[in-house]
Amino acid sequence: MSTAMRLQWNIRVLQRHDPAITTIVDQFTYAVLYRYEEDRWVKRGVEGSMFVYTRTDPPIHGFCILNREGAGNFVQPLRRGDEMEVTDDYIIYRPVDVGLGEGV
């Protein structure tokens, strides 16, 4: 499958969950979601492909992990004031309305 065909297929998959998604900005084959609790990182039971996308409706940007480990996908809109730190191995995301961070 060509890269363009794979991209279109992935957009269609994401649009089944959210029809407002228009563009995949970036994607990662495999990501694991962690939550920082009591001075340590704890797995959240969400693992799979991760997509950063744009939408036609606010919030305009977001990311999701299509969960291979269970029924629930992780979907997170990106809003003004959210904090994100990107390293070589991790993305640490802290929503503006939550004190604890999520790590991918």
N, C-alpha and C. Protein backbone atom coordinates (compact mmCIF):
# COMPACT_ATOMS: atom_id res chain seq x y z
N MET A 1 0.85 -1.17 0.00
CA MET A 1 0.00 0.00 0.00
C MET A 1 0.90 1.24 0.00
N SER A 2 0.59 2.20 -0.84
CA SER A 2 1.39 3.42 -0.92
C SER A 2 1.17 4.28 0.33
N THR A 3 2.07 5.21 0.56
CA THR A 3 1.97 6.10 1.71
C THR A 3 0.69 6.93 1.65
N ALA A 4 0.35 7.43 0.47
CA ALA A 4 -0.86 8.24 0.31
C ALA A 4 -2.11 7.42 0.59
N MET A 5 -2.13 6.18 0.11
CA MET A 5 -3.29 5.32 0.36
C MET A 5 -3.42 4.99 1.84
N ARG A 6 -2.29 4.73 2.50
CA ARG A 6 -2.32 4.43 3.93
C ARG A 6 -2.82 5.63 4.72
N LEU A 7 -2.39 6.83 4.33
CA LEU A 7 -2.84 8.05 5.00
C LEU A 7 -4.35 8.21 4.86
N GLN A 8 -4.88 8.02 3.66
CA GLN A 8 -6.32 8.14 3.45
C GLN A 8 -7.09 7.08 4.23
N TRP A 9 -6.56 5.88 4.29
CA TRP A 9 -7.20 4.81 5.05
C TRP A 9 -7.24 5.18 6.53
N ASN A 10 -6.11 5.69 7.06
CA ASN A 10 -6.06 6.08 8.47
C ASN A 10 -7.02 7.23 8.77
N ILE A 11 -7.15 8.19 7.86
CA ILE A 11 -8.11 9.28 8.06
C ILE A 11 -9.52 8.72 8.14
N ARG A 12 -9.87 7.79 7.27
CA ARG A 12 -11.21 7.19 7.30
C ARG A 12 -11.46 6.45 8.62
N VAL A 13 -10.44 5.75 9.11
CA VAL A 13 -10.57 5.05 10.40
C VAL A 13 -10.83 6.07 11.51
N LEU A 14 -10.07 7.15 11.54
CA LEU A 14 -10.25 8.17 12.57
C LEU A 14 -11.61 8.86 12.45
N GLN A 15 -12.07 9.08 11.22
CA GLN A 15 -13.36 9.74 11.01
C GLN A 15 -14.53 8.89 11.47
N ARG A 16 -14.35 7.58 11.58
CA ARG A 16 -15.42 6.74 12.16
C ARG A 16 -15.62 7.09 13.63
N HIS A 17 -14.56 7.53 14.29
CA HIS A 17 -14.63 7.92 15.70
C HIS A 17 -14.99 9.39 15.85
N ASP A 18 -14.56 10.22 14.88
CA ASP A 18 -14.80 11.66 14.93
C ASP A 18 -14.87 12.18 13.50
N PRO A 19 -16.08 12.38 12.96
CA PRO A 19 -16.23 12.82 11.56
C PRO A 19 -15.63 14.20 11.27
N ALA A 20 -15.32 14.99 12.29
CA ALA A 20 -14.76 16.32 12.08
C ALA A 20 -13.26 16.30 11.77
N ILE A 21 -12.61 15.15 11.91
CA ILE A 21 -11.17 15.06 11.62
C ILE A 21 -10.95 15.20 10.12
N THR A 22 -10.02 16.09 9.75
CA THR A 22 -9.76 16.33 8.33
C THR A 22 -8.35 15.95 7.89
N THR A 23 -7.37 16.10 8.78
CA THR A 23 -5.97 15.92 8.41
C THR A 23 -5.21 15.21 9.51
N ILE A 24 -4.35 14.29 9.13
CA ILE A 24 -3.40 13.71 10.07
C ILE A 24 -2.12 14.52 9.97
N VAL A 25 -1.72 15.14 11.07
CA VAL A 25 -0.52 15.97 11.11
C VAL A 25 0.71 15.10 11.29
N ASP A 26 0.60 14.10 12.16
CA ASP A 26 1.71 13.17 12.40
C ASP A 26 1.12 11.88 12.95
N GLN A 27 1.88 10.81 12.83
CA GLN A 27 1.41 9.52 13.34
C GLN A 27 2.58 8.70 13.82
N PHE A 28 2.28 7.82 14.76
CA PHE A 28 3.29 6.97 15.37
C PHE A 28 2.74 5.55 15.38
N THR A 29 3.55 4.60 14.98
CA THR A 29 3.10 3.22 14.88
C THR A 29 2.70 2.66 16.22
N TYR A 30 3.43 3.03 17.27
CA TYR A 30 3.14 2.43 18.57
C TYR A 30 3.38 3.44 19.68
N ALA A 31 2.41 3.57 20.56
CA ALA A 31 2.52 4.46 21.72
C ALA A 31 1.87 3.77 22.91
N VAL A 32 2.35 4.08 24.10
CA VAL A 32 1.79 3.57 25.35
C VAL A 32 1.45 4.77 26.22
N LEU A 33 0.27 4.78 26.80
CA LEU A 33 -0.17 5.88 27.65
C LEU A 33 0.14 5.57 29.11
N TYR A 34 0.78 6.53 29.77
CA TYR A 34 1.08 6.45 31.21
C TYR A 34 0.46 7.65 31.90
N ARG A 35 0.23 7.53 33.20
CA ARG A 35 -0.22 8.65 34.03
C ARG A 35 0.74 8.77 35.21
N TYR A 36 1.09 10.00 35.53
CA TYR A 36 2.00 10.24 36.66
C TYR A 36 1.19 10.25 37.95
N GLU A 37 1.47 9.28 38.83
CA GLU A 37 0.76 9.14 40.10
C GLU A 37 1.76 8.83 41.20
N GLU A 38 1.67 9.57 42.30
CA GLU A 38 2.47 9.30 43.48
C GLU A 38 3.96 9.11 43.15
N ASP A 39 4.51 10.04 42.42
CA ASP A 39 5.95 10.06 42.09
C ASP A 39 6.40 8.93 41.19
N ARG A 40 5.50 8.37 40.39
CA ARG A 40 5.92 7.33 39.43
C ARG A 40 4.93 7.31 38.26
N TRP A 41 5.41 6.75 37.14
CA TRP A 41 4.58 6.61 35.95
C TRP A 41 3.88 5.25 35.98
N VAL A 42 2.56 5.26 35.75
CA VAL A 42 1.75 4.05 35.79
C VAL A 42 1.07 3.86 34.43
N LYS A 43 1.18 2.65 33.86
CA LYS A 43 0.51 2.38 32.58
C LYS A 43 -1.00 2.50 32.75
N ARG A 44 -1.65 3.05 31.72
CA ARG A 44 -3.10 3.25 31.76
C ARG A 44 -3.88 2.18 31.02
N GLY A 45 -3.20 1.20 30.42
CA GLY A 45 -3.92 0.16 29.68
C GLY A 45 -4.32 0.58 28.28
N VAL A 46 -3.65 1.60 27.76
CA VAL A 46 -3.92 2.07 26.40
C VAL A 46 -2.61 1.99 25.62
N GLU A 47 -2.60 1.17 24.57
CA GLU A 47 -1.43 0.99 23.71
C GLU A 47 -1.90 0.83 22.28
N GLY A 48 -1.20 1.46 21.35
CA GLY A 48 -1.56 1.30 19.94
C GLY A 48 -1.02 2.44 19.09
N SER A 49 -1.57 2.58 17.90
CA SER A 49 -1.15 3.64 16.99
C SER A 49 -1.64 4.99 17.50
N MET A 50 -0.78 6.00 17.37
CA MET A 50 -1.12 7.35 17.83
C MET A 50 -1.16 8.29 16.64
N PHE A 51 -2.16 9.17 16.65
CA PHE A 51 -2.34 10.14 15.57
C PHE A 51 -2.53 11.54 16.15
N VAL A 52 -1.85 12.51 15.56
CA VAL A 52 -2.08 13.92 15.84
C VAL A 52 -2.84 14.46 14.64
N TYR A 53 -3.94 15.17 14.88
CA TYR A 53 -4.82 15.53 13.76
C TYR A 53 -5.38 16.94 13.90
N THR A 54 -5.98 17.41 12.80
CA THR A 54 -6.75 18.65 12.80
C THR A 54 -8.21 18.30 12.53
N ARG A 55 -9.09 19.20 13.00
CA ARG A 55 -10.54 19.01 12.87
C ARG A 55 -11.17 20.26 12.25
N THR A 56 -12.37 20.11 11.72
CA THR A 56 -13.09 21.26 11.19
C THR A 56 -13.74 22.08 12.29
N ASP A 57 -14.06 21.46 13.42
CA ASP A 57 -14.74 22.13 14.53
C ASP A 57 -13.81 22.25 15.73
N PRO A 58 -14.01 23.27 16.56
CA PRO A 58 -13.20 23.38 17.78
C PRO A 58 -13.46 22.19 18.72
N PRO A 59 -12.47 21.74 19.41
CA PRO A 59 -11.07 22.16 19.32
C PRO A 59 -10.46 21.69 18.00
N ILE A 60 -9.69 22.53 17.39
CA ILE A 60 -9.17 22.30 16.04
C ILE A 60 -8.11 21.20 16.00
N HIS A 61 -7.35 21.04 17.07
CA HIS A 61 -6.28 20.04 17.10
C HIS A 61 -6.53 19.03 18.21
N GLY A 62 -5.99 17.83 18.02
CA GLY A 62 -6.10 16.80 19.04
C GLY A 62 -5.19 15.64 18.70
N PHE A 63 -5.17 14.67 19.61
CA PHE A 63 -4.44 13.44 19.33
C PHE A 63 -5.20 12.28 19.95
N CYS A 64 -4.95 11.10 19.42
CA CYS A 64 -5.61 9.91 19.95
C CYS A 64 -4.69 8.71 19.81
N ILE A 65 -4.94 7.73 20.66
CA ILE A 65 -4.29 6.43 20.57
C ILE A 65 -5.39 5.42 20.35
N LEU A 66 -5.33 4.71 19.22
CA LEU A 66 -6.30 3.65 18.94
C LEU A 66 -5.85 2.42 19.72
N ASN A 67 -6.60 2.08 20.74
CA ASN A 67 -6.19 1.09 21.74
C ASN A 67 -6.26 -0.33 21.22
N ARG A 68 -5.14 -1.02 21.26
CA ARG A 68 -5.08 -2.45 20.91
C ARG A 68 -5.26 -3.33 22.14
N GLU A 69 -5.23 -2.72 23.33
CA GLU A 69 -5.26 -3.48 24.58
C GLU A 69 -6.66 -3.61 25.17
N GLY A 70 -7.62 -2.86 24.66
CA GLY A 70 -8.97 -2.90 25.21
C GLY A 70 -9.92 -2.13 24.32
N ALA A 71 -11.12 -1.93 24.83
CA ALA A 71 -12.17 -1.31 24.03
C ALA A 71 -12.04 0.20 23.92
N GLY A 72 -11.48 0.86 24.92
CA GLY A 72 -11.49 2.32 24.93
C GLY A 72 -10.27 2.95 24.30
N ASN A 73 -10.48 3.80 23.30
CA ASN A 73 -9.40 4.59 22.72
C ASN A 73 -9.15 5.80 23.62
N PHE A 74 -7.96 6.36 23.53
CA PHE A 74 -7.66 7.59 24.26
C PHE A 74 -7.75 8.74 23.26
N VAL A 75 -8.63 9.69 23.51
CA VAL A 75 -8.82 10.85 22.63
C VAL A 75 -8.63 12.10 23.47
N GLN A 76 -7.77 12.99 23.00
CA GLN A 76 -7.48 14.20 23.76
C GLN A 76 -7.47 15.42 22.86
N PRO A 77 -8.42 16.34 23.04
CA PRO A 77 -8.35 17.61 22.32
C PRO A 77 -7.20 18.45 22.87
N LEU A 78 -6.59 19.25 22.01
CA LEU A 78 -5.53 20.16 22.43
C LEU A 78 -6.12 21.56 22.53
N ARG A 79 -5.90 22.19 23.68
CA ARG A 79 -6.49 23.51 23.93
C ARG A 79 -5.41 24.50 24.32
N ARG A 80 -5.72 25.76 24.16
CA ARG A 80 -4.81 26.82 24.58
C ARG A 80 -4.54 26.66 26.07
N GLY A 81 -3.27 26.73 26.43
CA GLY A 81 -2.89 26.59 27.83
C GLY A 81 -2.39 25.20 28.19
N ASP A 82 -2.70 24.20 27.36
CA ASP A 82 -2.17 22.86 27.61
C ASP A 82 -0.65 22.89 27.48
N GLU A 83 0.02 22.05 28.24
CA GLU A 83 1.48 21.98 28.18
C GLU A 83 1.90 20.67 27.54
N MET A 84 2.90 20.73 26.68
CA MET A 84 3.42 19.52 26.04
C MET A 84 4.94 19.63 25.97
N GLU A 85 5.59 18.56 26.39
CA GLU A 85 7.04 18.47 26.31
C GLU A 85 7.39 17.28 25.44
N VAL A 86 8.21 17.50 24.43
CA VAL A 86 8.59 16.44 23.50
C VAL A 86 10.07 16.15 23.68
N THR A 87 10.41 14.88 23.93
CA THR A 87 11.80 14.45 24.02
C THR A 87 12.03 13.42 22.93
N ASP A 88 13.24 12.87 22.88
CA ASP A 88 13.52 11.84 21.87
C ASP A 88 12.65 10.61 22.05
N ASP A 89 12.31 10.27 23.28
CA ASP A 89 11.58 9.03 23.55
C ASP A 89 10.15 9.23 24.03
N TYR A 90 9.81 10.42 24.53
CA TYR A 90 8.51 10.61 25.17
C TYR A 90 7.86 11.91 24.76
N ILE A 91 6.53 11.91 24.90
CA ILE A 91 5.74 13.14 24.84
C ILE A 91 5.04 13.22 26.18
N ILE A 92 5.25 14.31 26.90
CA ILE A 92 4.58 14.50 28.19
C ILE A 92 3.57 15.61 27.99
N TYR A 93 2.31 15.29 28.28
CA TYR A 93 1.20 16.20 28.02
C TYR A 93 0.47 16.50 29.32
N ARG A 94 0.25 17.79 29.59
CA ARG A 94 -0.48 18.18 30.78
C ARG A 94 -1.62 19.11 30.35
N PRO A 95 -2.87 18.62 30.43
CA PRO A 95 -4.00 19.49 30.09
C PRO A 95 -4.08 20.67 31.05
N VAL A 96 -4.56 21.78 30.57
CA VAL A 96 -4.65 23.00 31.36
C VAL A 96 -5.53 22.80 32.59
N ASP A 97 -6.52 21.93 32.52
CA ASP A 97 -7.47 21.76 33.62
C ASP A 97 -7.16 20.58 34.53
N VAL A 98 -6.00 19.95 34.36
CA VAL A 98 -5.63 18.80 35.18
C VAL A 98 -4.22 19.02 35.71
N GLY A 99 -4.01 18.75 36.98
CA GLY A 99 -2.70 18.96 37.58
C GLY A 99 -1.69 17.89 37.22
N LEU A 100 -2.13 16.63 37.09
CA LEU A 100 -1.21 15.55 36.79
C LEU A 100 -1.05 15.39 35.30
N GLY A 101 0.09 14.87 34.88
CA GLY A 101 0.37 14.74 33.46
C GLY A 101 0.16 13.34 32.93
N GLU A 102 -0.04 13.26 31.64
CA GLU A 102 -0.09 12.00 30.91
C GLU A 102 1.22 11.90 30.14
N GLY A 103 1.74 10.71 29.98
CA GLY A 103 2.96 10.51 29.22
C GLY A 103 2.74 9.48 28.14
N VAL A 104 3.28 9.74 26.98
CA VAL A 104 3.16 8.81 25.86
C VAL A 104 4.55 8.48 25.40
